[in-house]
């Protein structure tokens, strides 16, 4: 009974969140941009009993995928374009104000082993923001950046410096200061 209640609450949360996202996209005539989390859980396997592995991580990914599908369906229902995905790597530790990328931009919990889930504080420019809002802003800016990088640049490995996301963010910061 307890698990069914949690499942029902998760279902309600997914639909309420999807409705809010679609409503905001429709109101602002905006493109929905989501993190591409297809590689979540890839890489090193966690040891048995570790705090962030196993079922909890899989469940979280399943809920995210459900949210993505529901958002996509509801966008199409309103005649809006499908969401665009951007690579999530580094979005929680990058400053949208100055472009500085560092794990030190996320304050540590007193235990020192996990990030605080609510604070982003850039060690370079001192920009402070709710961590989720900050990451969402970086994700949106990543989409704008992707549109400006010529398709020929993507073929080069690694991406030329003048087309890197950090350079784009620094340029945006300079334009904000100048204007």
C-alpha atoms as a PDB file:
ATOM      1  CA  UNK A   1       0.000   0.000   0.000  1.00  0.00           C
ATOM      2  CA  UNK A   2       2.807   2.399   0.924  1.00  0.00           C
ATOM      3  CA  UNK A   3       4.639   1.821  -2.388  1.00  0.00           C
ATOM      4  CA  UNK A   4       1.421   2.367  -4.375  1.00  0.00           C
ATOM      5  CA  UNK A   5       0.888   5.674  -2.567  1.00  0.00           C
ATOM      6  CA  UNK A   6       4.412   6.812  -3.456  1.00  0.00           C
ATOM      7  CA  UNK A   7       3.916   5.696  -7.051  1.00  0.00           C
ATOM      8  CA  UNK A   8       0.639   7.645  -7.261  1.00  0.00           C
ATOM      9  CA  UNK A   9       2.304  10.735  -5.761  1.00  0.00           C
ATOM     10  CA  UNK A  10       5.152  10.444  -8.290  1.00  0.00           C
ATOM     11  CA  UNK A  11       2.630  10.180 -11.156  1.00  0.00           C
ATOM     12  CA  UNK A  12       0.819  13.305  -9.965  1.00  0.00           C
ATOM     13  CA  UNK A  13       4.117  15.183  -9.572  1.00  0.00           C
ATOM     14  CA  UNK A  14       5.199  14.256 -13.128  1.00  0.00           C
ATOM     15  CA  UNK A  15       1.931  15.502 -14.645  1.00  0.00           C
ATOM     16  CA  UNK A  16       1.810  18.713 -12.580  1.00  0.00           C
ATOM     17  CA  UNK A  17       5.418  19.486 -13.527  1.00  0.00           C
ATOM     18  CA  UNK A  18       4.788  18.720 -17.204  1.00  0.00           C
ATOM     19  CA  UNK A  19       1.701  20.948 -17.196  1.00  0.00           C
ATOM     20  CA  UNK A  20       3.695  23.813 -15.646  1.00  0.00           C
ATOM     21  CA  UNK A  21       6.519  23.451 -18.190  1.00  0.00           C
ATOM     22  CA  UNK A  22       4.154  23.361 -21.159  1.00  0.00           C
ATOM     23  CA  UNK A  23       2.085  26.249 -19.809  1.00  0.00           C
ATOM     24  CA  UNK A  24       5.221  28.374 -19.427  1.00  0.00           C
ATOM     25  CA  UNK A  25       6.473  27.462 -22.921  1.00  0.00           C
ATOM     26  CA  UNK A  26       3.105  28.362 -24.415  1.00  0.00           C
ATOM     27  CA  UNK A  27       2.810  31.621 -22.452  1.00  0.00           C
ATOM     28  CA  UNK A  28       6.293  32.810 -23.456  1.00  0.00           C
ATOM     29  CA  UNK A  29       6.298  31.252 -26.935  1.00  0.00           C
ATOM     30  CA  UNK A  30       9.503  29.486 -25.904  1.00  0.00           C
ATOM     31  CA  UNK A  31      11.336  26.322 -26.880  1.00  0.00           C
ATOM     32  CA  UNK A  32      11.559  23.743 -24.075  1.00  0.00           C
ATOM     33  CA  UNK A  33      15.147  22.650 -23.473  1.00  0.00           C
ATOM     34  CA  UNK A  34      15.880  19.521 -21.413  1.00  0.00           C
ATOM     35  CA  UNK A  35      19.027  17.855 -20.209  1.00  0.00           C
ATOM     36  CA  UNK A  36      20.046  14.840 -22.254  1.00  0.00           C
ATOM     37  CA  UNK A  37      20.409  12.265 -19.493  1.00  0.00           C
ATOM     38  CA  UNK A  38      20.728   9.158 -21.667  1.00  0.00           C
ATOM     39  CA  UNK A  39      24.137   8.437 -20.139  1.00  0.00           C
ATOM     40  CA  UNK A  40      22.984   8.740 -16.558  1.00  0.00           C
ATOM     41  CA  UNK A  41      24.192   5.751 -14.656  1.00  0.00           C
ATOM     42  CA  UNK A  42      26.850   4.950 -17.247  1.00  0.00           C
ATOM     43  CA  UNK A  43      30.447   4.634 -16.188  1.00  0.00           C
ATOM     44  CA  UNK A  44      31.838   3.293 -12.931  1.00  0.00           C
ATOM     45  CA  UNK A  45      29.638   0.879 -11.063  1.00  0.00           C
ATOM     46  CA  UNK A  46      29.042   1.674  -7.454  1.00  0.00           C
ATOM     47  CA  UNK A  47      29.895  -0.731  -4.717  1.00  0.00           C
ATOM     48  CA  UNK A  48      27.054  -2.568  -2.970  1.00  0.00           C
ATOM     49  CA  UNK A  49      25.566  -0.433  -0.228  1.00  0.00           C
ATOM     50  CA  UNK A  50      26.778   2.839  -1.708  1.00  0.00           C
ATOM     51  CA  UNK A  51      24.452   5.774  -1.085  1.00  0.00           C
ATOM     52  CA  UNK A  52      23.605   6.854  -4.645  1.00  0.00           C
ATOM     53  CA  UNK A  53      23.443   3.709  -6.738  1.00  0.00           C
ATOM     54  CA  UNK A  54      21.004   0.977  -7.520  1.00  0.00           C
ATOM     55  CA  UNK A  55      17.248   1.271  -7.424  1.00  0.00           C
ATOM     56  CA  UNK A  56      17.075   4.914  -6.273  1.00  0.00           C
ATOM     57  CA  UNK A  57      19.148   6.090  -9.238  1.00  0.00           C
ATOM     58  CA  UNK A  58      17.212   3.937 -11.709  1.00  0.00           C
ATOM     59  CA  UNK A  59      13.896   5.151 -10.282  1.00  0.00           C
ATOM     60  CA  UNK A  60      15.023   8.761 -10.623  1.00  0.00           C
ATOM     61  CA  UNK A  61      15.965   8.184 -14.257  1.00  0.00           C
ATOM     62  CA  UNK A  62      12.659   6.444 -14.930  1.00  0.00           C
ATOM     63  CA  UNK A  63      10.766   9.423 -13.513  1.00  0.00           C
ATOM     64  CA  UNK A  64      12.798  11.856 -15.599  1.00  0.00           C
ATOM     65  CA  UNK A  65      12.119   9.833 -18.747  1.00  0.00           C
ATOM     66  CA  UNK A  66       8.429   9.747 -17.893  1.00  0.00           C
ATOM     67  CA  UNK A  67       8.467  13.524 -17.440  1.00  0.00           C
ATOM     68  CA  UNK A  68      10.231  13.949 -20.790  1.00  0.00           C
ATOM     69  CA  UNK A  69       7.632  11.788 -22.583  1.00  0.00           C
ATOM     70  CA  UNK A  70       4.686  13.565 -20.930  1.00  0.00           C
ATOM     71  CA  UNK A  71       6.140  17.017 -21.727  1.00  0.00           C
ATOM     72  CA  UNK A  72       6.703  15.960 -25.334  1.00  0.00           C
ATOM     73  CA  UNK A  73       3.123  14.671 -25.640  1.00  0.00           C
ATOM     74  CA  UNK A  74       1.609  17.785 -24.067  1.00  0.00           C
ATOM     75  CA  UNK A  75       3.720  20.107 -26.252  1.00  0.00           C
ATOM     76  CA  UNK A  76       2.523  18.323 -29.394  1.00  0.00           C
ATOM     77  CA  UNK A  77      -1.056  18.474 -28.112  1.00  0.00           C
ATOM     78  CA  UNK A  78      -0.756  22.300 -27.991  1.00  0.00           C
ATOM     79  CA  UNK A  79       0.954  22.503 -31.370  1.00  0.00           C
ATOM     80  CA  UNK A  80       4.343  23.413 -29.870  1.00  0.00           C
ATOM     81  CA  UNK A  81       7.680  21.948 -31.022  1.00  0.00           C
ATOM     82  CA  UNK A  82       9.293  18.952 -29.341  1.00  0.00           C
ATOM     83  CA  UNK A  83      11.766  19.729 -26.568  1.00  0.00           C
ATOM     84  CA  UNK A  84      15.402  20.098 -27.533  1.00  0.00           C
ATOM     85  CA  UNK A  85      18.013  18.170 -25.560  1.00  0.00           C
ATOM     86  CA  UNK A  86      21.421  19.464 -24.530  1.00  0.00           C
ATOM     87  CA  UNK A  87      24.272  17.601 -22.902  1.00  0.00           C
ATOM     88  CA  UNK A  88      24.017  17.922 -19.138  1.00  0.00           C
ATOM     89  CA  UNK A  89      27.706  17.596 -18.296  1.00  0.00           C
ATOM     90  CA  UNK A  90      28.971  20.491 -16.197  1.00  0.00           C
ATOM     91  CA  UNK A  91      25.731  22.460 -16.059  1.00  0.00           C
ATOM     92  CA  UNK A  92      25.578  22.350 -12.258  1.00  0.00           C
ATOM     93  CA  UNK A  93      29.115  23.697 -11.787  1.00  0.00           C
ATOM     94  CA  UNK A  94      29.331  26.340 -14.528  1.00  0.00           C
ATOM     95  CA  UNK A  95      28.713  30.014 -13.897  1.00  0.00           C
ATOM     96  CA  UNK A  96      26.368  31.643 -16.427  1.00  0.00           C
ATOM     97  CA  UNK A  97      27.676  35.083 -15.461  1.00  0.00           C
ATOM     98  CA  UNK A  98      31.407  34.682 -16.101  1.00  0.00           C
ATOM     99  CA  UNK A  99      31.744  31.221 -17.674  1.00  0.00           C
ATOM    100  CA  UNK A 100      33.943  29.820 -14.894  1.00  0.00           C
ATOM    101  CA  UNK A 101      33.633  26.026 -14.682  1.00  0.00           C
ATOM    102  CA  UNK A 102      34.712  24.374 -11.430  1.00  0.00           C
ATOM    103  CA  UNK A 103      33.446  21.821  -8.911  1.00  0.00           C
ATOM    104  CA  UNK A 104      34.385  24.448  -6.298  1.00  0.00           C
ATOM    105  CA  UNK A 105      31.414  26.519  -7.528  1.00  0.00           C
ATOM    106  CA  UNK A 106      29.164  24.176  -5.556  1.00  0.00           C
ATOM    107  CA  UNK A 107      29.455  24.513  -1.793  1.00  0.00           C
ATOM    108  CA  UNK A 108      30.086  21.275   0.064  1.00  0.00           C
ATOM    109  CA  UNK A 109      27.938  19.863   2.812  1.00  0.00           C
ATOM    110  CA  UNK A 110      29.605  19.754   6.200  1.00  0.00           C
ATOM    111  CA  UNK A 111      30.294  16.030   5.716  1.00  0.00           C
ATOM    112  CA  UNK A 112      32.352  17.026   2.696  1.00  0.00           C
ATOM    113  CA  UNK A 113      31.292  14.098   0.516  1.00  0.00           C
ATOM    114  CA  UNK A 114      28.301  15.461  -1.408  1.00  0.00           C
ATOM    115  CA  UNK A 115      27.233  18.749  -2.976  1.00  0.00           C
ATOM    116  CA  UNK A 116      24.705  20.931  -1.246  1.00  0.00           C
ATOM    117  CA  UNK A 117      21.659  20.608  -3.412  1.00  0.00           C
ATOM    118  CA  UNK A 118      20.596  24.215  -3.092  1.00  0.00           C
ATOM    119  CA  UNK A 119      23.596  26.550  -3.459  1.00  0.00           C
ATOM    120  CA  UNK A 120      25.678  27.641  -6.436  1.00  0.00           C
ATOM    121  CA  UNK A 121      28.437  30.129  -5.616  1.00  0.00           C
ATOM    122  CA  UNK A 122      30.985  31.042  -8.299  1.00  0.00           C
ATOM    123  CA  UNK A 123      34.492  31.271  -6.859  1.00  0.00           C
ATOM    124  CA  UNK A 124      35.516  33.718  -9.630  1.00  0.00           C
ATOM    125  CA  UNK A 125      32.779  36.359  -9.865  1.00  0.00           C
ATOM    126  CA  UNK A 126      30.904  35.581  -6.595  1.00  0.00           C
ATOM    127  CA  UNK A 127      27.581  35.021  -8.426  1.00  0.00           C
ATOM    128  CA  UNK A 128      25.209  33.155  -6.054  1.00  0.00           C
ATOM    129  CA  UNK A 129      21.968  31.484  -7.023  1.00  0.00           C
ATOM    130  CA  UNK A 130      19.753  28.530  -6.276  1.00  0.00           C
ATOM    131  CA  UNK A 131      21.637  25.599  -7.812  1.00  0.00           C
ATOM    132  CA  UNK A 132      18.655  24.279  -9.791  1.00  0.00           C
ATOM    133  CA  UNK A 133      17.805  27.716 -11.219  1.00  0.00           C
ATOM    134  CA  UNK A 134      21.455  28.262 -12.096  1.00  0.00           C
ATOM    135  CA  UNK A 135      21.748  24.903 -13.886  1.00  0.00           C
ATOM    136  CA  UNK A 136      18.498  25.583 -15.784  1.00  0.00           C
ATOM    137  CA  UNK A 137      19.911  28.902 -16.974  1.00  0.00           C
ATOM    138  CA  UNK A 138      23.148  27.246 -18.124  1.00  0.00           C
ATOM    139  CA  UNK A 139      21.139  24.574 -19.970  1.00  0.00           C
ATOM    140  CA  UNK A 140      19.100  27.246 -21.773  1.00  0.00           C
ATOM    141  CA  UNK A 141      22.263  29.182 -22.636  1.00  0.00           C
ATOM    142  CA  UNK A 142      23.842  25.977 -23.941  1.00  0.00           C
ATOM    143  CA  UNK A 143      20.995  25.670 -26.428  1.00  0.00           C
ATOM    144  CA  UNK A 144      21.496  29.254 -27.641  1.00  0.00           C
ATOM    145  CA  UNK A 145      25.232  28.541 -27.969  1.00  0.00           C
ATOM    146  CA  UNK A 146      24.569  25.356 -29.980  1.00  0.00           C
ATOM    147  CA  UNK A 147      22.553  27.358 -32.515  1.00  0.00           C
ATOM    148  CA  UNK A 148      25.503  29.717 -33.045  1.00  0.00           C
ATOM    149  CA  UNK A 149      28.199  27.086 -33.633  1.00  0.00           C
ATOM    150  CA  UNK A 150      28.604  26.320 -37.352  1.00  0.00           C
ATOM    151  CA  UNK A 151      27.978  22.691 -38.299  1.00  0.00           C
ATOM    152  CA  UNK A 152      31.500  22.440 -39.752  1.00  0.00           C
ATOM    153  CA  UNK A 153      32.973  23.188 -36.296  1.00  0.00           C
ATOM    154  CA  UNK A 154      31.244  20.149 -34.766  1.00  0.00           C
ATOM    155  CA  UNK A 155      33.173  17.866 -37.130  1.00  0.00           C
ATOM    156  CA  UNK A 156      36.504  18.931 -35.639  1.00  0.00           C
ATOM    157  CA  UNK A 157      37.684  17.107 -32.536  1.00  0.00           C
ATOM    158  CA  UNK A 158      38.146  18.846 -30.178  1.00  0.00           C
ATOM    159  CA  UNK A 159      35.901  21.819 -30.861  1.00  0.00           C
ATOM    160  CA  UNK A 160      37.997  24.897 -31.802  1.00  0.00           C
ATOM    161  CA  UNK A 161      38.511  27.293 -28.867  1.00  0.00           C
ATOM    162  CA  UNK A 162      36.561  30.136 -30.486  1.00  0.00           C
ATOM    163  CA  UNK A 163      33.450  27.903 -30.535  1.00  0.00           C
ATOM    164  CA  UNK A 164      33.676  26.526 -26.982  1.00  0.00           C
ATOM    165  CA  UNK A 165      30.803  27.111 -24.577  1.00  0.00           C
ATOM    166  CA  UNK A 166      33.032  28.807 -21.980  1.00  0.00           C
ATOM    167  CA  UNK A 167      34.132  31.362 -24.597  1.00  0.00           C
ATOM    168  CA  UNK A 168      30.472  31.987 -25.482  1.00  0.00           C
ATOM    169  CA  UNK A 169      29.609  32.589 -21.796  1.00  0.00           C
ATOM    170  CA  UNK A 170      32.531  34.969 -21.279  1.00  0.00           C
ATOM    171  CA  UNK A 171      31.524  36.902 -24.410  1.00  0.00           C
ATOM    172  CA  UNK A 172      27.920  37.134 -23.159  1.00  0.00           C
ATOM    173  CA  UNK A 173      29.186  38.465 -19.815  1.00  0.00           C
ATOM    174  CA  UNK A 174      31.339  41.073 -21.571  1.00  0.00           C
ATOM    175  CA  UNK A 175      28.377  42.179 -23.706  1.00  0.00           C
ATOM    176  CA  UNK A 176      26.205  42.526 -20.564  1.00  0.00           C
ATOM    177  CA  UNK A 177      28.892  44.680 -18.884  1.00  0.00           C
ATOM    178  CA  UNK A 178      29.318  46.871 -21.971  1.00  0.00           C
ATOM    179  CA  UNK A 179      25.592  47.378 -22.522  1.00  0.00           C
END
